[in-house]
Structure formats: structure tokens, C-alpha cells
Amino acid sequence: MSKLKGFFDEIAKAWYALVGEPTSREQEKSAAFVAQYWKNYLELSPEEQADVWHSLSGMETTADSKEKTKAWIVKTRTSLIASDAP
């Protein structure tokens, strides 16, 4: 067994001791959710896939970037900066 696998096995044991092991139904439900997530992800365009990872990592997405250039956003930001708003 690798050290990394052993490490994660210990984390799993501690977690299960705290909250209990999932039932087979919960495991199936979780597996179905993950399968659907990846199916949906693979159906996205490359730009949308990049946006998913940017969003998950706290980086700016394409939608965020486009939103920043809208006139009302620019005007509001300029007003807030001018008023020394926190």
C-alpha cells in the first residue's frame, strides 16, 4: 500500500468514526451524482469547462470578465471608488 493511500484510508476511517459509514443506497446515489456531473461537464464547450474550474478555484470566469465591462458596473465601481467606500 502506498503512503498516500494509507494517508487517505486513515482520513476515511476517522471520518466514518465521526459520522458513520454511508449505506449502499447513499453510495449509489453519490456515484450517480458524480457520474451525472462529469457527463454534464463533458458536454460543455472548452470555454465553459475552463470557467467551471476557474469558478471552483475562485478565479475570474469569462462571464465575470464580461460583466465587469457593462456600463452600469463601471459607473457603480467608479462612484464607489470616488466615495472611498470600503
C-alpha atoms as a PDB file:
ATOM      1  CA  MET A   1       0.000   0.000   0.000  1.00  0.00           C
ATOM      2  CA  SER A   2       1.356   3.410  -0.895  1.00  0.00           C
ATOM      3  CA  LYS A   3       1.853   6.059   1.749  1.00  0.00           C
ATOM      4  CA  LEU A   4      -0.710   8.280   0.046  1.00  0.00           C
ATOM      5  CA  LYS A   5      -3.374   5.557   0.009  1.00  0.00           C
ATOM      6  CA  GLY A   6      -2.641   4.819   3.659  1.00  0.00           C
ATOM      7  CA  PHE A   7      -2.996   8.507   4.481  1.00  0.00           C
ATOM      8  CA  PHE A   8      -6.417   8.759   2.816  1.00  0.00           C
ATOM      9  CA  ASP A   9      -7.542   5.466   4.342  1.00  0.00           C
ATOM     10  CA  GLU A  10      -6.792   6.890   7.791  1.00  0.00           C
ATOM     11  CA  ILE A  11      -8.770  10.044   6.986  1.00  0.00           C
ATOM     12  CA  ALA A  12     -11.697   7.898   5.809  1.00  0.00           C
ATOM     13  CA  LYS A  13     -11.585   5.796   8.988  1.00  0.00           C
ATOM     14  CA  ALA A  14     -11.616   8.921  11.161  1.00  0.00           C
ATOM     15  CA  TRP A  15     -14.481  10.410   9.131  1.00  0.00           C
ATOM     16  CA  TYR A  16     -16.548   7.226   9.302  1.00  0.00           C
ATOM     17  CA  ALA A  17     -15.931   7.002  13.054  1.00  0.00           C
ATOM     18  CA  LEU A  18     -17.301  10.526  13.370  1.00  0.00           C
ATOM     19  CA  VAL A  19     -20.314  10.390  11.032  1.00  0.00           C
ATOM     20  CA  GLY A  20     -20.771   6.699  10.269  1.00  0.00           C
ATOM     21  CA  GLU A  21     -20.232   4.820   7.030  1.00  0.00           C
ATOM     22  CA  PRO A  22     -22.577   5.551   4.131  1.00  0.00           C
ATOM     23  CA  THR A  23     -25.194   2.953   3.289  1.00  0.00           C
ATOM     24  CA  SER A  24     -25.076   1.210  -0.071  1.00  0.00           C
ATOM     25  CA  ARG A  25     -28.015   3.393  -1.163  1.00  0.00           C
ATOM     26  CA  GLU A  26     -26.092   6.548  -0.226  1.00  0.00           C
ATOM     27  CA  GLN A  27     -23.031   5.255  -2.082  1.00  0.00           C
ATOM     28  CA  GLU A  28     -25.116   4.530  -5.197  1.00  0.00           C
ATOM     29  CA  LYS A  29     -26.748   7.958  -5.003  1.00  0.00           C
ATOM     30  CA  SER A  30     -23.345   9.619  -4.661  1.00  0.00           C
ATOM     31  CA  ALA A  31     -21.896   7.631  -7.568  1.00  0.00           C
ATOM     32  CA  ALA A  32     -24.886   8.554  -9.761  1.00  0.00           C
ATOM     33  CA  PHE A  33     -24.464  12.237  -8.873  1.00  0.00           C
ATOM     34  CA  VAL A  34     -20.748  12.182  -9.722  1.00  0.00           C
ATOM     35  CA  ALA A  35     -21.408  10.345 -12.997  1.00  0.00           C
ATOM     36  CA  GLN A  36     -24.045  12.921 -13.977  1.00  0.00           C
ATOM     37  CA  TYR A  37     -21.728  15.795 -13.007  1.00  0.00           C
ATOM     38  CA  TRP A  38     -18.947  14.517 -15.302  1.00  0.00           C
ATOM     39  CA  LYS A  39     -21.409  13.736 -18.098  1.00  0.00           C
ATOM     40  CA  ASN A  40     -22.706  17.309 -17.941  1.00  0.00           C
ATOM     41  CA  TYR A  41     -19.158  18.675 -17.685  1.00  0.00           C
ATOM     42  CA  LEU A  42     -18.008  16.795 -20.785  1.00  0.00           C
ATOM     43  CA  GLU A  43     -20.951  18.222 -22.749  1.00  0.00           C
ATOM     44  CA  LEU A  44     -19.753  21.790 -22.088  1.00  0.00           C
ATOM     45  CA  SER A  45     -17.656  23.742 -24.565  1.00  0.00           C
ATOM     46  CA  PRO A  46     -13.933  24.056 -23.761  1.00  0.00           C
ATOM     47  CA  GLU A  47     -14.522  27.671 -22.657  1.00  0.00           C
ATOM     48  CA  GLU A  48     -17.316  26.597 -20.300  1.00  0.00           C
ATOM     49  CA  GLN A  49     -15.157  23.772 -18.929  1.00  0.00           C
ATOM     50  CA  ALA A  50     -12.396  26.274 -18.163  1.00  0.00           C
ATOM     51  CA  ASP A  51     -14.971  28.524 -16.481  1.00  0.00           C
ATOM     52  CA  VAL A  52     -16.071  25.657 -14.221  1.00  0.00           C
ATOM     53  CA  TRP A  53     -12.516  25.163 -12.962  1.00  0.00           C
ATOM     54  CA  HIS A  54     -11.924  28.912 -12.674  1.00  0.00           C
ATOM     55  CA  SER A  55     -15.105  29.263 -10.630  1.00  0.00           C
ATOM     56  CA  LEU A  56     -14.191  26.344  -8.353  1.00  0.00           C
ATOM     57  CA  SER A  57     -10.734  27.793  -7.743  1.00  0.00           C
ATOM     58  CA  GLY A  58     -12.005  31.328  -7.106  1.00  0.00           C
ATOM     59  CA  MET A  59     -10.610  32.733 -10.337  1.00  0.00           C
ATOM     60  CA  GLU A  60     -12.465  35.094 -12.636  1.00  0.00           C
ATOM     61  CA  THR A  61     -14.692  33.386 -15.209  1.00  0.00           C
ATOM     62  CA  THR A  62     -15.479  34.565 -18.725  1.00  0.00           C
ATOM     63  CA  ALA A  63     -18.933  35.658 -17.542  1.00  0.00           C
ATOM     64  CA  ASP A  64     -17.351  37.643 -14.690  1.00  0.00           C
ATOM     65  CA  SER A  65     -14.976  39.302 -17.119  1.00  0.00           C
ATOM     66  CA  LYS A  66     -17.791  40.273 -19.492  1.00  0.00           C
ATOM     67  CA  GLU A  67     -19.915  41.528 -16.588  1.00  0.00           C
ATOM     68  CA  LYS A  68     -17.142  43.868 -15.407  1.00  0.00           C
ATOM     69  CA  THR A  69     -17.269  45.833 -18.650  1.00  0.00           C
ATOM     70  CA  LYS A  70     -21.021  46.577 -18.561  1.00  0.00           C
ATOM     71  CA  ALA A  71     -21.707  50.299 -18.306  1.00  0.00           C
ATOM     72  CA  TRP A  72     -23.679  50.198 -15.048  1.00  0.00           C
ATOM     73  CA  ILE A  73     -20.946  48.140 -13.374  1.00  0.00           C
ATOM     74  CA  VAL A  74     -18.244  50.554 -14.480  1.00  0.00           C
ATOM     75  CA  LYS A  75     -20.317  53.561 -13.342  1.00  0.00           C
ATOM     76  CA  THR A  76     -21.086  51.981  -9.956  1.00  0.00           C
ATOM     77  CA  ARG A  77     -17.469  50.961  -9.413  1.00  0.00           C
ATOM     78  CA  THR A  78     -16.256  54.452 -10.326  1.00  0.00           C
ATOM     79  CA  SER A  79     -18.745  56.035  -7.897  1.00  0.00           C
ATOM     80  CA  LEU A  80     -17.755  53.679  -5.076  1.00  0.00           C
ATOM     81  CA  ILE A  81     -14.058  54.350  -5.607  1.00  0.00           C
ATOM     82  CA  ALA A  82     -14.674  58.110  -5.733  1.00  0.00           C
ATOM     83  CA  SER A  83     -16.624  57.982  -2.459  1.00  0.00           C
ATOM     84  CA  ASP A  84     -13.873  55.964  -0.710  1.00  0.00           C
ATOM     85  CA  ALA A  85     -16.366  53.197   0.025  1.00  0.00           C
ATOM     86  CA  PRO A  86     -14.810  50.183   1.757  1.00  0.00           C
END
